[in-house]
Amino acid sequence: MPPIMHRLPILIGMFLGSYLGWFLGGAWGWWGSFILSGIGSIGGVFAGWKLGQRIDRR
């Protein structure tokens, strides 16, 4: 299991990515919001994972 400084940025990135995707997808209705929210979640997990690695190296 990864340390807390890996999990916390992933959780925050997933939340922010999902919210941003939901907000941007609102122009295409609930289906667009749902799809872009999922894509945003994946991007947020990746960004949080990279940030956690960067924090761990310091």
PDB file of N, CA and C in Angstrom:
ATOM      1  N   MET A   1       0.845  -1.180   0.000  1.00  0.00           N
ATOM      2  CA  MET A   1       0.000   0.000   0.000  1.00  0.00           C
ATOM      3  C   MET A   1       0.890   1.244   0.000  1.00  0.00           C
ATOM      4  N   PRO A   2       0.583   2.201  -0.874  1.00  0.00           N
ATOM      5  CA  PRO A   2       1.425   3.404  -0.930  1.00  0.00           C
ATOM      6  C   PRO A   2       1.278   4.252   0.332  1.00  0.00           C
ATOM      7  N   PRO A   3       2.328   4.998   0.659  1.00  0.00           N
ATOM      8  CA  PRO A   3       2.244   5.868   1.834  1.00  0.00           C
ATOM      9  C   PRO A   3       1.189   6.958   1.651  1.00  0.00           C
ATOM     10  N   ILE A   4       0.857   7.609   2.765  1.00  0.00           N
ATOM     11  CA  ILE A   4      -0.219   8.610   2.759  1.00  0.00           C
ATOM     12  C   ILE A   4       0.085   9.754   1.801  1.00  0.00           C
ATOM     13  N   MET A   5       1.334  10.106   1.615  1.00  0.00           N
ATOM     14  CA  MET A   5       1.662  11.214   0.728  1.00  0.00           C
ATOM     15  C   MET A   5       1.561  10.819  -0.735  1.00  0.00           C
ATOM     16  N   HIS A   6       1.243   9.568  -1.003  1.00  0.00           N
ATOM     17  CA  HIS A   6       0.905   9.179  -2.375  1.00  0.00           C
ATOM     18  C   HIS A   6      -0.600   9.141  -2.554  1.00  0.00           C
ATOM     19  N   ARG A   7      -1.303   8.687  -1.525  1.00  0.00           N
ATOM     20  CA  ARG A   7      -2.751   8.532  -1.636  1.00  0.00           C
ATOM     21  C   ARG A   7      -3.488   9.857  -1.581  1.00  0.00           C
ATOM     22  N   LEU A   8      -3.038  10.788  -0.755  1.00  0.00           N
ATOM     23  CA  LEU A   8      -3.735  12.062  -0.604  1.00  0.00           C
ATOM     24  C   LEU A   8      -3.733  12.893  -1.889  1.00  0.00           C
ATOM     25  N   PRO A   9      -2.597  13.085  -2.573  1.00  0.00           N
ATOM     26  CA  PRO A   9      -2.643  13.824  -3.847  1.00  0.00           C
ATOM     27  C   PRO A   9      -3.492  13.124  -4.909  1.00  0.00           C
ATOM     28  N   ILE A  10      -3.516  11.790  -4.889  1.00  0.00           N
ATOM     29  CA  ILE A  10      -4.338  11.054  -5.846  1.00  0.00           C
ATOM     30  C   ILE A  10      -5.811  11.325  -5.573  1.00  0.00           C
ATOM     31  N   LEU A  11      -6.206  11.288  -4.307  1.00  0.00           N
ATOM     32  CA  LEU A  11      -7.593  11.541  -3.946  1.00  0.00           C
ATOM     33  C   LEU A  11      -8.013  12.968  -4.314  1.00  0.00           C
ATOM     34  N   ILE A  12      -7.172  13.932  -4.001  1.00  0.00           N
ATOM     35  CA  ILE A  12      -7.485  15.324  -4.321  1.00  0.00           C
ATOM     36  C   ILE A  12      -7.526  15.538  -5.836  1.00  0.00           C
ATOM     37  N   GLY A  13      -6.561  14.965  -6.558  1.00  0.00           N
ATOM     38  CA  GLY A  13      -6.544  15.081  -8.015  1.00  0.00           C
ATOM     39  C   GLY A  13      -7.759  14.442  -8.658  1.00  0.00           C
ATOM     40  N   MET A  14      -8.183  13.292  -8.130  1.00  0.00           N
ATOM     41  CA  MET A  14      -9.361  12.631  -8.668  1.00  0.00           C
ATOM     42  C   MET A  14     -10.608  13.481  -8.440  1.00  0.00           C
ATOM     43  N   PHE A  15     -10.725  14.061  -7.253  1.00  0.00           N
ATOM     44  CA  PHE A  15     -11.883  14.904  -6.940  1.00  0.00           C
ATOM     45  C   PHE A  15     -11.923  16.129  -7.842  1.00  0.00           C
ATOM     46  N   LEU A  16     -10.787  16.826  -7.959  1.00  0.00           N
ATOM     47  CA  LEU A  16     -10.757  18.048  -8.773  1.00  0.00           C
ATOM     48  C   LEU A  16     -10.944  17.749 -10.256  1.00  0.00           C
ATOM     49  N   GLY A  17     -10.330  16.683 -10.742  1.00  0.00           N
ATOM     50  CA  GLY A  17     -10.494  16.310 -12.149  1.00  0.00           C
ATOM     51  C   GLY A  17     -11.922  15.931 -12.481  1.00  0.00           C
ATOM     52  N   SER A  18     -12.551  15.201 -11.572  1.00  0.00           N
ATOM     53  CA  SER A  18     -13.933  14.810 -11.775  1.00  0.00           C
ATOM     54  C   SER A  18     -14.862  16.022 -11.777  1.00  0.00           C
ATOM     55  N   TYR A  19     -14.642  16.921 -10.846  1.00  0.00           N
ATOM     56  CA  TYR A  19     -15.480  18.121 -10.775  1.00  0.00           C
ATOM     57  C   TYR A  19     -15.303  18.985 -12.019  1.00  0.00           C
ATOM     58  N   LEU A  20     -14.064  19.165 -12.444  1.00  0.00           N
ATOM     59  CA  LEU A  20     -13.805  19.969 -13.630  1.00  0.00           C
ATOM     60  C   LEU A  20     -14.454  19.336 -14.866  1.00  0.00           C
ATOM     61  N   GLY A  21     -14.349  18.009 -14.991  1.00  0.00           N
ATOM     62  CA  GLY A  21     -14.983  17.324 -16.115  1.00  0.00           C
ATOM     63  C   GLY A  21     -16.490  17.446 -16.086  1.00  0.00           C
ATOM     64  N   TRP A  22     -17.075  17.355 -14.903  1.00  0.00           N
ATOM     65  CA  TRP A  22     -18.538  17.494 -14.786  1.00  0.00           C
ATOM     66  C   TRP A  22     -18.974  18.904 -15.182  1.00  0.00           C
ATOM     67  N   PHE A  23     -18.203  19.887 -14.735  1.00  0.00           N
ATOM     68  CA  PHE A  23     -18.529  21.276 -15.044  1.00  0.00           C
ATOM     69  C   PHE A  23     -18.417  21.550 -16.546  1.00  0.00           C
ATOM     70  N   LEU A  24     -17.334  21.100 -17.156  1.00  0.00           N
ATOM     71  CA  LEU A  24     -17.128  21.345 -18.592  1.00  0.00           C
ATOM     72  C   LEU A  24     -18.092  20.540 -19.455  1.00  0.00           C
ATOM     73  N   GLY A  25     -18.472  19.366 -19.004  1.00  0.00           N
ATOM     74  CA  GLY A  25     -19.384  18.533 -19.781  1.00  0.00           C
ATOM     75  C   GLY A  25     -20.827  18.963 -19.681  1.00  0.00           C
ATOM     76  N   GLY A  26     -21.133  19.921 -18.825  1.00  0.00           N
ATOM     77  CA  GLY A  26     -22.502  20.379 -18.647  1.00  0.00           C
ATOM     78  C   GLY A  26     -23.123  20.947 -19.914  1.00  0.00           C
ATOM     79  N   ALA A  27     -22.304  21.387 -20.830  1.00  0.00           N
ATOM     80  CA  ALA A  27     -22.812  21.940 -22.089  1.00  0.00           C
ATOM     81  C   ALA A  27     -23.463  20.854 -22.945  1.00  0.00           C
ATOM     82  N   TRP A  28     -23.107  19.593 -22.717  1.00  0.00           N
ATOM     83  CA  TRP A  28     -23.651  18.479 -23.502  1.00  0.00           C
ATOM     84  C   TRP A  28     -24.652  17.641 -22.709  1.00  0.00           C
ATOM     85  N   GLY A  29     -25.155  18.189 -21.621  1.00  0.00           N
ATOM     86  CA  GLY A  29     -26.149  17.456 -20.839  1.00  0.00           C
ATOM     87  C   GLY A  29     -25.510  16.507 -19.845  1.00  0.00           C
ATOM     88  N   TRP A  30     -26.349  15.693 -19.226  1.00  0.00           N
ATOM     89  CA  TRP A  30     -25.832  14.821 -18.170  1.00  0.00           C
ATOM     90  C   TRP A  30     -24.901  13.745 -18.720  1.00  0.00           C
ATOM     91  N   TRP A  31     -25.143  13.301 -19.952  1.00  0.00           N
ATOM     92  CA  TRP A  31     -24.284  12.258 -20.525  1.00  0.00           C
ATOM     93  C   TRP A  31     -22.874  12.788 -20.782  1.00  0.00           C
ATOM     94  N   GLY A  32     -22.764  13.989 -21.305  1.00  0.00           N
ATOM     95  CA  GLY A  32     -21.452  14.600 -21.509  1.00  0.00           C
ATOM     96  C   GLY A  32     -20.746  14.857 -20.194  1.00  0.00           C
ATOM     97  N   SER A  33     -21.509  15.278 -19.193  1.00  0.00           N
ATOM     98  CA  SER A  33     -20.930  15.489 -17.868  1.00  0.00           C
ATOM     99  C   SER A  33     -20.385  14.189 -17.295  1.00  0.00           C
ATOM    100  N   PHE A  34     -21.146  13.113 -17.464  1.00  0.00           N
ATOM    101  CA  PHE A  34     -20.733  11.810 -16.948  1.00  0.00           C
ATOM    102  C   PHE A  34     -19.438  11.332 -17.611  1.00  0.00           C
ATOM    103  N   ILE A  35     -19.373  11.436 -18.919  1.00  0.00           N
ATOM    104  CA  ILE A  35     -18.186  10.977 -19.659  1.00  0.00           C
ATOM    105  C   ILE A  35     -16.971  11.824 -19.315  1.00  0.00           C
ATOM    106  N   LEU A  36     -17.113  13.149 -19.356  1.00  0.00           N
ATOM    107  CA  LEU A  36     -15.971  14.012 -19.056  1.00  0.00           C
ATOM    108  C   LEU A  36     -15.558  13.931 -17.590  1.00  0.00           C
ATOM    109  N   SER A  37     -16.489  13.626 -16.707  1.00  0.00           N
ATOM    110  CA  SER A  37     -16.145  13.434 -15.307  1.00  0.00           C
ATOM    111  C   SER A  37     -15.248  12.208 -15.135  1.00  0.00           C
ATOM    112  N   GLY A  38     -15.566  11.138 -15.854  1.00  0.00           N
ATOM    113  CA  GLY A  38     -14.727   9.937 -15.802  1.00  0.00           C
ATOM    114  C   GLY A  38     -13.340  10.184 -16.363  1.00  0.00           C
ATOM    115  N   ILE A  39     -13.271  10.895 -17.466  1.00  0.00           N
ATOM    116  CA  ILE A  39     -11.976  11.226 -18.062  1.00  0.00           C
ATOM    117  C   ILE A  39     -11.186  12.136 -17.134  1.00  0.00           C
ATOM    118  N   GLY A  40     -11.871  13.102 -16.520  1.00  0.00           N
ATOM    119  CA  GLY A  40     -11.209  13.997 -15.572  1.00  0.00           C
ATOM    120  C   GLY A  40     -10.701  13.255 -14.351  1.00  0.00           C
ATOM    121  N   SER A  41     -11.440  12.248 -13.899  1.00  0.00           N
ATOM    122  CA  SER A  41     -11.000  11.447 -12.760  1.00  0.00           C
ATOM    123  C   SER A  41      -9.710  10.706 -13.084  1.00  0.00           C
ATOM    124  N   ILE A  42      -9.653  10.134 -14.262  1.00  0.00           N
ATOM    125  CA  ILE A  42      -8.444   9.402 -14.673  1.00  0.00           C
ATOM    126  C   ILE A  42      -7.255  10.356 -14.762  1.00  0.00           C
ATOM    127  N   GLY A  43      -7.477  11.524 -15.358  1.00  0.00           N
ATOM    128  CA  GLY A  43      -6.404  12.519 -15.438  1.00  0.00           C
ATOM    129  C   GLY A  43      -5.982  13.007 -14.064  1.00  0.00           C
ATOM    130  N   GLY A  44      -6.933  13.171 -13.162  1.00  0.00           N
ATOM    131  CA  GLY A  44      -6.611  13.599 -11.807  1.00  0.00           C
ATOM    132  C   GLY A  44      -5.823  12.561 -11.032  1.00  0.00           C
ATOM    133  N   VAL A  45      -6.160  11.292 -11.228  1.00  0.00           N
ATOM    134  CA  VAL A  45      -5.399  10.215 -10.578  1.00  0.00           C
ATOM    135  C   VAL A  45      -3.961  10.230 -11.076  1.00  0.00           C
ATOM    136  N   PHE A  46      -3.774  10.376 -12.377  1.00  0.00           N
ATOM    137  CA  PHE A  46      -2.421  10.404 -12.937  1.00  0.00           C
ATOM    138  C   PHE A  46      -1.636  11.605 -12.422  1.00  0.00           C
ATOM    139  N   ALA A  47      -2.269  12.784 -12.421  1.00  0.00           N
ATOM    140  CA  ALA A  47      -1.588  13.994 -11.937  1.00  0.00           C
ATOM    141  C   ALA A  47      -1.268  13.875 -10.451  1.00  0.00           C
ATOM    142  N   GLY A  48      -2.183  13.333  -9.663  1.00  0.00           N
ATOM    143  CA  GLY A  48      -1.927  13.140  -8.233  1.00  0.00           C
ATOM    144  C   GLY A  48      -0.831  12.138  -7.981  1.00  0.00           C
ATOM    145  N   TRP A  49      -0.785  11.091  -8.781  1.00  0.00           N
ATOM    146  CA  TRP A  49       0.262  10.081  -8.642  1.00  0.00           C
ATOM    147  C   TRP A  49       1.638  10.687  -8.932  1.00  0.00           C
ATOM    148  N   LYS A  50       1.717  11.480  -9.999  1.00  0.00           N
ATOM    149  CA  LYS A  50       2.986  12.143 -10.331  1.00  0.00           C
ATOM    150  C   LYS A  50       3.387  13.131  -9.239  1.00  0.00           C
ATOM    151  N   LEU A  51       2.430  13.872  -8.693  1.00  0.00           N
ATOM    152  CA  LEU A  51       2.727  14.816  -7.612  1.00  0.00           C
ATOM    153  C   LEU A  51       3.199  14.060  -6.373  1.00  0.00           C
ATOM    154  N   GLY A  52       2.570  12.933  -6.058  1.00  0.00           N
ATOM    155  CA  GLY A  52       2.999  12.123  -4.917  1.00  0.00           C
ATOM    156  C   GLY A  52       4.423  11.607  -5.086  1.00  0.00           C
ATOM    157  N   GLN A  53       4.783  11.217  -6.294  1.00  0.00           N
ATOM    158  CA  GLN A  53       6.152  10.790  -6.550  1.00  0.00           C
ATOM    159  C   GLN A  53       7.133  11.944  -6.363  1.00  0.00           C
ATOM    160  N   ARG A  54       6.757  13.126  -6.830  1.00  0.00           N
ATOM    161  CA  ARG A  54       7.626  14.292  -6.705  1.00  0.00           C
ATOM    162  C   ARG A  54       7.813  14.657  -5.236  1.00  0.00           C
ATOM    163  N   ILE A  55       6.739  14.585  -4.454  1.00  0.00           N
ATOM    164  CA  ILE A  55       6.829  14.883  -3.021  1.00  0.00           C
ATOM    165  C   ILE A  55       7.713  13.861  -2.324  1.00  0.00           C
ATOM    166  N   ASP A  56       7.598  12.605  -2.715  1.00  0.00           N
ATOM    167  CA  ASP A  56       8.367  11.526  -2.082  1.00  0.00           C
ATOM    168  C   ASP A  56       9.861  11.662  -2.340  1.00  0.00           C
ATOM    169  N   ARG A  57      10.233  12.208  -3.496  1.00  0.00           N
ATOM    170  CA  ARG A  57      11.660  12.364  -3.826  1.00  0.00           C
ATOM    171  C   ARG A  57      12.339  13.445  -3.008  1.00  0.00           C
ATOM    172  N   ARG A  58      11.580  14.369  -2.450  1.00  0.00           N
ATOM    173  CA  ARG A  58      12.190  15.464  -1.691  1.00  0.00           C
ATOM    174  C   ARG A  58      12.576  15.047  -0.324  1.00  0.00           C
TER     175      ARG A  58
END
